[in-house]
Amino acid sequence: MRADQYDREFAALAARYAPVREDHLQTYLRTNRWPMDREGVLPVFYNGYRNNFDVARPLLEKHGLVGWFMAVPGYTDCPFNEQSKFAASHTIATVPDEYSDGRSALSWDELRALDGPHVVASHTRSHTRVGLDDAAVMHSEIVGAQEDFTRELGHPVRSFAWLHGGRYGHNRFADAAVDRAGYEFLFSNFAVQKLR
């Protein structure tokens, strides 16, 4: 990550926008009224990269912003020496040799530290495109990811971000899996939806 560039960008965002938490999003999606004086911004970080914690987190906090970290539990669970192979086979782009120990994914300890000051959310279990006709894969990627977060964070996460997925209401099998997992918000390629 380019820390200087992010520092400038986060400073510009913080000067204009308010930080957004899931409760703010919930209020807006429920009432169609923004609950703060200024418009909000959601700096979203996908895939659960280690540099999100080392570089983005301190800069977000410096500027009073709330980051939204869409993590992939299977990537986090992968042994350090296998993370680059996992990333390559799951369409996760990494920077070769960014860290000397080989770990490129956020650890569970880092995710626990992000949880609260920031938003930790699910971006599928293994960054696998979910076939809408494959119930077993859908269950693993959607419900299984929530089970992983609940086990490691001590509570379910509220938000789920598809990998190339559609809106809630377009596929009953996907909807059923999202419902079973208990997510409150769905981030798709088309919208952010409140589900409950």
C-alpha atoms as a PDB file:
ATOM      1  CA  MET A   1       0.000   0.000   0.000  1.00  0.00           C
ATOM      2  CA  ARG A   2       1.117   3.524  -0.726  1.00  0.00           C
ATOM      3  CA  ALA A   3       0.892   5.070   2.738  1.00  0.00           C
ATOM      4  CA  ASP A   4       1.521   8.689   1.675  1.00  0.00           C
ATOM      5  CA  GLN A   5      -1.196   8.521  -0.957  1.00  0.00           C
ATOM      6  CA  TYR A   6      -3.679   6.957   1.450  1.00  0.00           C
ATOM      7  CA  ASP A   7      -2.816   9.532   4.102  1.00  0.00           C
ATOM      8  CA  ARG A   8      -3.697  12.364   1.684  1.00  0.00           C
ATOM      9  CA  GLU A   9      -6.859  10.630   0.469  1.00  0.00           C
ATOM     10  CA  PHE A  10      -8.102   9.845   3.974  1.00  0.00           C
ATOM     11  CA  ALA A  11      -7.424  13.441   5.069  1.00  0.00           C
ATOM     12  CA  ALA A  12      -9.515  14.706   2.144  1.00  0.00           C
ATOM     13  CA  LEU A  13     -12.336  12.262   2.923  1.00  0.00           C
ATOM     14  CA  ALA A  14     -12.332  13.159   6.623  1.00  0.00           C
ATOM     15  CA  ALA A  15     -12.549  16.871   5.815  1.00  0.00           C
ATOM     16  CA  ARG A  16     -15.732  16.359   3.843  1.00  0.00           C
ATOM     17  CA  TYR A  17     -17.468  13.207   5.122  1.00  0.00           C
ATOM     18  CA  ALA A  18     -18.494  11.611   8.385  1.00  0.00           C
ATOM     19  CA  PRO A  19     -17.359   8.115   9.415  1.00  0.00           C
ATOM     20  CA  VAL A  20     -20.048   5.447   8.986  1.00  0.00           C
ATOM     21  CA  ARG A  21     -20.810   2.472  11.203  1.00  0.00           C
ATOM     22  CA  GLU A  22     -23.358  -0.266  10.612  1.00  0.00           C
ATOM     23  CA  ASP A  23     -25.879   1.438  12.916  1.00  0.00           C
ATOM     24  CA  HIS A  24     -25.726   4.583  10.745  1.00  0.00           C
ATOM     25  CA  LEU A  25     -26.272   2.475   7.649  1.00  0.00           C
ATOM     26  CA  GLN A  26     -29.142   0.666   9.360  1.00  0.00           C
ATOM     27  CA  THR A  27     -30.880   3.946  10.197  1.00  0.00           C
ATOM     28  CA  TYR A  28     -30.460   5.272   6.680  1.00  0.00           C
ATOM     29  CA  LEU A  29     -31.686   2.112   4.964  1.00  0.00           C
ATOM     30  CA  ARG A  30     -34.638   1.811   7.329  1.00  0.00           C
ATOM     31  CA  THR A  31     -35.799   5.450   7.218  1.00  0.00           C
ATOM     32  CA  ASN A  32     -34.260   6.784   3.995  1.00  0.00           C
ATOM     33  CA  ARG A  33     -32.871   9.657   6.101  1.00  0.00           C
ATOM     34  CA  TRP A  34     -29.199  10.168   6.787  1.00  0.00           C
ATOM     35  CA  PRO A  35     -28.646  10.240  10.589  1.00  0.00           C
ATOM     36  CA  MET A  36     -25.684  12.661  10.665  1.00  0.00           C
ATOM     37  CA  ASP A  37     -24.970  16.275   9.810  1.00  0.00           C
ATOM     38  CA  ARG A  38     -22.526  15.412   7.019  1.00  0.00           C
ATOM     39  CA  GLU A  39     -22.740  12.811   4.272  1.00  0.00           C
ATOM     40  CA  GLY A  40     -20.938   9.607   5.164  1.00  0.00           C
ATOM     41  CA  VAL A  41     -18.114   7.640   3.604  1.00  0.00           C
ATOM     42  CA  LEU A  42     -17.324   3.932   3.784  1.00  0.00           C
ATOM     43  CA  PRO A  43     -13.655   3.221   3.037  1.00  0.00           C
ATOM     44  CA  VAL A  44     -13.980  -0.467   2.092  1.00  0.00           C
ATOM     45  CA  PHE A  45     -11.072  -2.900   1.981  1.00  0.00           C
ATOM     46  CA  TYR A  46     -11.702  -6.259   0.344  1.00  0.00           C
ATOM     47  CA  ASN A  47     -10.032  -9.662   0.755  1.00  0.00           C
ATOM     48  CA  GLY A  48      -8.450  -9.247   4.199  1.00  0.00           C
ATOM     49  CA  TYR A  49      -4.907  -8.183   3.369  1.00  0.00           C
ATOM     50  CA  ARG A  50      -2.387  -7.851   6.185  1.00  0.00           C
ATOM     51  CA  ASN A  51      -1.399  -4.382   4.968  1.00  0.00           C
ATOM     52  CA  ASN A  52      -4.954  -3.256   5.734  1.00  0.00           C
ATOM     53  CA  PHE A  53      -4.014  -3.534   9.403  1.00  0.00           C
ATOM     54  CA  ASP A  54      -0.428  -2.297   9.154  1.00  0.00           C
ATOM     55  CA  VAL A  55      -0.965   0.625   6.757  1.00  0.00           C
ATOM     56  CA  ALA A  56      -4.653   1.528   6.331  1.00  0.00           C
ATOM     57  CA  ARG A  57      -5.831   1.115   9.944  1.00  0.00           C
ATOM     58  CA  PRO A  58      -3.462   3.653  11.557  1.00  0.00           C
ATOM     59  CA  LEU A  59      -4.179   6.189   8.819  1.00  0.00           C
ATOM     60  CA  LEU A  60      -7.934   5.735   9.131  1.00  0.00           C
ATOM     61  CA  GLU A  61      -7.661   6.247  12.875  1.00  0.00           C
ATOM     62  CA  LYS A  62      -5.395   9.284  12.414  1.00  0.00           C
ATOM     63  CA  HIS A  63      -8.165  10.920  10.387  1.00  0.00           C
ATOM     64  CA  GLY A  64     -11.120   9.674  12.466  1.00  0.00           C
ATOM     65  CA  LEU A  65     -12.514   7.379   9.761  1.00  0.00           C
ATOM     66  CA  VAL A  66     -14.124   3.956  10.155  1.00  0.00           C
ATOM     67  CA  GLY A  67     -12.805   1.306   7.784  1.00  0.00           C
ATOM     68  CA  TRP A  68     -14.951  -1.531   6.479  1.00  0.00           C
ATOM     69  CA  PHE A  69     -12.828  -4.673   6.227  1.00  0.00           C
ATOM     70  CA  MET A  70     -14.438  -7.358   4.048  1.00  0.00           C
ATOM     71  CA  ALA A  71     -12.364 -10.365   5.076  1.00  0.00           C
ATOM     72  CA  VAL A  72     -12.045 -13.920   3.781  1.00  0.00           C
ATOM     73  CA  PRO A  73     -11.778 -16.434   6.677  1.00  0.00           C
ATOM     74  CA  GLY A  74     -10.237 -19.167   4.504  1.00  0.00           C
ATOM     75  CA  TYR A  75      -7.407 -16.813   3.565  1.00  0.00           C
ATOM     76  CA  THR A  76      -6.888 -15.884   7.220  1.00  0.00           C
ATOM     77  CA  ASP A  77      -6.874 -19.561   8.244  1.00  0.00           C
ATOM     78  CA  CYS A  78      -4.333 -20.539   5.579  1.00  0.00           C
ATOM     79  CA  PRO A  79      -0.797 -21.276   6.896  1.00  0.00           C
ATOM     80  CA  PHE A  80       1.643 -18.454   6.093  1.00  0.00           C
ATOM     81  CA  ASN A  81       3.703 -20.518   3.660  1.00  0.00           C
ATOM     82  CA  GLU A  82       0.562 -21.412   1.676  1.00  0.00           C
ATOM     83  CA  GLN A  83      -1.090 -17.973   1.534  1.00  0.00           C
ATOM     84  CA  SER A  84       0.434 -16.917  -1.775  1.00  0.00           C
ATOM     85  CA  LYS A  85      -0.714 -20.186  -3.384  1.00  0.00           C
ATOM     86  CA  PHE A  86      -4.182 -19.785  -1.833  1.00  0.00           C
ATOM     87  CA  ALA A  87      -4.381 -16.192  -3.070  1.00  0.00           C
ATOM     88  CA  ALA A  88      -3.339 -17.107  -6.604  1.00  0.00           C
ATOM     89  CA  SER A  89      -5.920 -19.893  -6.826  1.00  0.00           C
ATOM     90  CA  HIS A  90      -8.728 -17.727  -5.394  1.00  0.00           C
ATOM     91  CA  THR A  91      -8.307 -14.543  -7.489  1.00  0.00           C
ATOM     92  CA  ILE A  92      -6.720 -12.583  -4.652  1.00  0.00           C
ATOM     93  CA  ALA A  93      -3.933 -10.362  -5.955  1.00  0.00           C
ATOM     94  CA  THR A  94      -0.938 -10.025  -3.642  1.00  0.00           C
ATOM     95  CA  VAL A  95       2.372  -8.174  -3.673  1.00  0.00           C
ATOM     96  CA  PRO A  96       5.167 -10.775  -3.914  1.00  0.00           C
ATOM     97  CA  ASP A  97       7.520 -10.747  -0.913  1.00  0.00           C
ATOM     98  CA  GLU A  98       5.657  -7.874   0.739  1.00  0.00           C
ATOM     99  CA  TYR A  99       6.298  -9.531   4.117  1.00  0.00           C
ATOM    100  CA  SER A 100       9.355 -11.654   4.830  1.00  0.00           C
ATOM    101  CA  ASP A 101       7.390 -14.261   6.824  1.00  0.00           C
ATOM    102  CA  GLY A 102       5.087 -14.943   3.854  1.00  0.00           C
ATOM    103  CA  ARG A 103       1.876 -13.897   5.630  1.00  0.00           C
ATOM    104  CA  SER A 104      -0.186 -11.621   3.422  1.00  0.00           C
ATOM    105  CA  ALA A 105      -3.612 -12.144   5.064  1.00  0.00           C
ATOM    106  CA  LEU A 106      -5.017 -10.510   8.162  1.00  0.00           C
ATOM    107  CA  SER A 107      -4.661 -12.723  11.232  1.00  0.00           C
ATOM    108  CA  TRP A 108      -7.568 -13.434  13.546  1.00  0.00           C
ATOM    109  CA  ASP A 109      -5.861 -11.311  16.228  1.00  0.00           C
ATOM    110  CA  GLU A 110      -5.749  -8.407  13.769  1.00  0.00           C
ATOM    111  CA  LEU A 111      -9.396  -8.936  12.816  1.00  0.00           C
ATOM    112  CA  ARG A 112     -10.328  -8.957  16.515  1.00  0.00           C
ATOM    113  CA  ALA A 113      -8.426  -5.674  16.967  1.00  0.00           C
ATOM    114  CA  LEU A 114     -10.262  -4.141  13.987  1.00  0.00           C
ATOM    115  CA  ASP A 115     -13.655  -5.345  15.230  1.00  0.00           C
ATOM    116  CA  GLY A 116     -15.266  -2.485  17.142  1.00  0.00           C
ATOM    117  CA  PRO A 117     -13.231   0.546  16.178  1.00  0.00           C
ATOM    118  CA  HIS A 118     -13.930  -0.481  12.574  1.00  0.00           C
ATOM    119  CA  VAL A 119     -16.333  -2.844  10.794  1.00  0.00           C
ATOM    120  CA  VAL A 120     -15.341  -6.430  10.068  1.00  0.00           C
ATOM    121  CA  ALA A 121     -17.523  -8.113   7.455  1.00  0.00           C
ATOM    122  CA  SER A 122     -17.616 -11.286   5.404  1.00  0.00           C
ATOM    123  CA  HIS A 123     -16.460 -11.479   1.796  1.00  0.00           C
ATOM    124  CA  THR A 124     -17.245 -15.199   1.398  1.00  0.00           C
ATOM    125  CA  ARG A 125     -15.311 -17.976   3.098  1.00  0.00           C
ATOM    126  CA  SER A 126     -12.655 -18.586   0.451  1.00  0.00           C
ATOM    127  CA  HIS A 127     -13.154 -15.885  -2.195  1.00  0.00           C
ATOM    128  CA  THR A 128     -14.851 -18.391  -4.445  1.00  0.00           C
ATOM    129  CA  ARG A 129     -17.461 -17.281  -6.907  1.00  0.00           C
ATOM    130  CA  VAL A 130     -20.654 -18.878  -5.685  1.00  0.00           C
ATOM    131  CA  GLY A 131     -22.538 -20.848  -8.311  1.00  0.00           C
ATOM    132  CA  LEU A 132     -26.176 -20.057  -7.730  1.00  0.00           C
ATOM    133  CA  ASP A 133     -27.126 -23.648  -8.452  1.00  0.00           C
ATOM    134  CA  ASP A 134     -24.559 -25.252  -6.111  1.00  0.00           C
ATOM    135  CA  ALA A 135     -26.199 -25.401  -2.686  1.00  0.00           C
ATOM    136  CA  ALA A 136     -23.220 -27.020  -0.918  1.00  0.00           C
ATOM    137  CA  VAL A 137     -20.705 -24.410  -2.104  1.00  0.00           C
ATOM    138  CA  MET A 138     -23.191 -21.638  -1.390  1.00  0.00           C
ATOM    139  CA  HIS A 139     -23.701 -22.918   2.156  1.00  0.00           C
ATOM    140  CA  SER A 140     -19.943 -23.150   2.781  1.00  0.00           C
ATOM    141  CA  GLU A 141     -19.141 -19.726   1.338  1.00  0.00           C
ATOM    142  CA  ILE A 142     -22.015 -17.847   2.976  1.00  0.00           C
ATOM    143  CA  VAL A 143     -23.021 -19.708   6.130  1.00  0.00           C
ATOM    144  CA  GLY A 144     -19.606 -21.271   6.755  1.00  0.00           C
ATOM    145  CA  ALA A 145     -17.951 -17.862   6.659  1.00  0.00           C
ATOM    146  CA  GLN A 146     -20.362 -16.599   9.306  1.00  0.00           C
ATOM    147  CA  GLU A 147     -19.609 -19.653  11.452  1.00  0.00           C
ATOM    148  CA  ASP A 148     -15.880 -18.851  11.192  1.00  0.00           C
ATOM    149  CA  PHE A 149     -16.397 -15.215  12.205  1.00  0.00           C
ATOM    150  CA  THR A 150     -18.672 -16.181  15.092  1.00  0.00           C
ATOM    151  CA  ARG A 151     -16.141 -18.707  16.393  1.00  0.00           C
ATOM    152  CA  GLU A 152     -13.175 -16.330  16.138  1.00  0.00           C
ATOM    153  CA  LEU A 153     -14.723 -12.946  16.988  1.00  0.00           C
ATOM    154  CA  GLY A 154     -17.208 -14.233  19.559  1.00  0.00           C
ATOM    155  CA  HIS A 155     -20.193 -12.907  17.611  1.00  0.00           C
ATOM    156  CA  PRO A 156     -21.611 -12.994  14.082  1.00  0.00           C
ATOM    157  CA  VAL A 157     -20.693 -10.230  11.662  1.00  0.00           C
ATOM    158  CA  ARG A 158     -23.536  -8.102  10.363  1.00  0.00           C
ATOM    159  CA  SER A 159     -22.472  -7.529   6.754  1.00  0.00           C
ATOM    160  CA  PHE A 160     -21.790  -9.815   3.801  1.00  0.00           C
ATOM    161  CA  ALA A 161     -20.160  -8.775   0.528  1.00  0.00           C
ATOM    162  CA  TRP A 162     -20.612 -10.966  -2.515  1.00  0.00           C
ATOM    163  CA  LEU A 163     -17.873 -11.931  -4.881  1.00  0.00           C
ATOM    164  CA  HIS A 164     -19.637 -11.069  -8.180  1.00  0.00           C
ATOM    165  CA  GLY A 165     -23.029 -11.537  -6.565  1.00  0.00           C
ATOM    166  CA  GLY A 166     -26.435 -10.080  -7.197  1.00  0.00           C
ATOM    167  CA  ARG A 167     -29.041  -8.291  -5.180  1.00  0.00           C
ATOM    168  CA  TYR A 168     -31.074  -9.975  -2.489  1.00  0.00           C
ATOM    169  CA  GLY A 169     -34.302 -11.195  -4.058  1.00  0.00           C
ATOM    170  CA  HIS A 170     -32.779 -12.412  -7.321  1.00  0.00           C
ATOM    171  CA  ASN A 171     -32.034 -15.983  -6.288  1.00  0.00           C
ATOM    172  CA  ARG A 172     -34.012 -17.805  -3.630  1.00  0.00           C
ATOM    173  CA  PHE A 173     -31.170 -20.229  -2.827  1.00  0.00           C
ATOM    174  CA  ALA A 174     -28.680 -17.435  -2.256  1.00  0.00           C
ATOM    175  CA  ASP A 175     -31.279 -15.526  -0.238  1.00  0.00           C
ATOM    176  CA  ALA A 176     -31.911 -18.600   1.931  1.00  0.00           C
ATOM    177  CA  ALA A 177     -28.181 -18.992   2.654  1.00  0.00           C
ATOM    178  CA  VAL A 178     -27.781 -15.297   3.508  1.00  0.00           C
ATOM    179  CA  ASP A 179     -30.836 -15.559   5.777  1.00  0.00           C
ATOM    180  CA  ARG A 180     -29.533 -18.732   7.431  1.00  0.00           C
ATOM    181  CA  ALA A 181     -26.241 -16.986   8.159  1.00  0.00           C
ATOM    182  CA  GLY A 182     -28.115 -14.069   9.758  1.00  0.00           C
ATOM    183  CA  TYR A 183     -26.441 -11.218   7.889  1.00  0.00           C
ATOM    184  CA  GLU A 184     -28.158  -7.845   8.234  1.00  0.00           C
ATOM    185  CA  PHE A 185     -26.590  -6.091   5.237  1.00  0.00           C
ATOM    186  CA  LEU A 186     -25.781  -7.378   1.781  1.00  0.00           C
ATOM    187  CA  PHE A 187     -23.196  -5.622  -0.397  1.00  0.00           C
ATOM    188  CA  SER A 188     -23.633  -6.666  -4.018  1.00  0.00           C
ATOM    189  CA  ASN A 189     -22.337  -5.315  -7.300  1.00  0.00           C
ATOM    190  CA  PHE A 190     -25.567  -3.347  -7.552  1.00  0.00           C
ATOM    191  CA  ALA A 191     -26.579  -2.115  -4.109  1.00  0.00           C
ATOM    192  CA  VAL A 192     -26.233  -2.197  -0.360  1.00  0.00           C
ATOM    193  CA  GLN A 193     -29.375  -3.727   1.096  1.00  0.00           C
ATOM    194  CA  LYS A 194     -30.710  -3.988   4.621  1.00  0.00           C
ATOM    195  CA  LEU A 195     -32.083  -7.462   5.171  1.00  0.00           C
ATOM    196  CA  ARG A 196     -33.557  -7.303   8.667  1.00  0.00           C
END
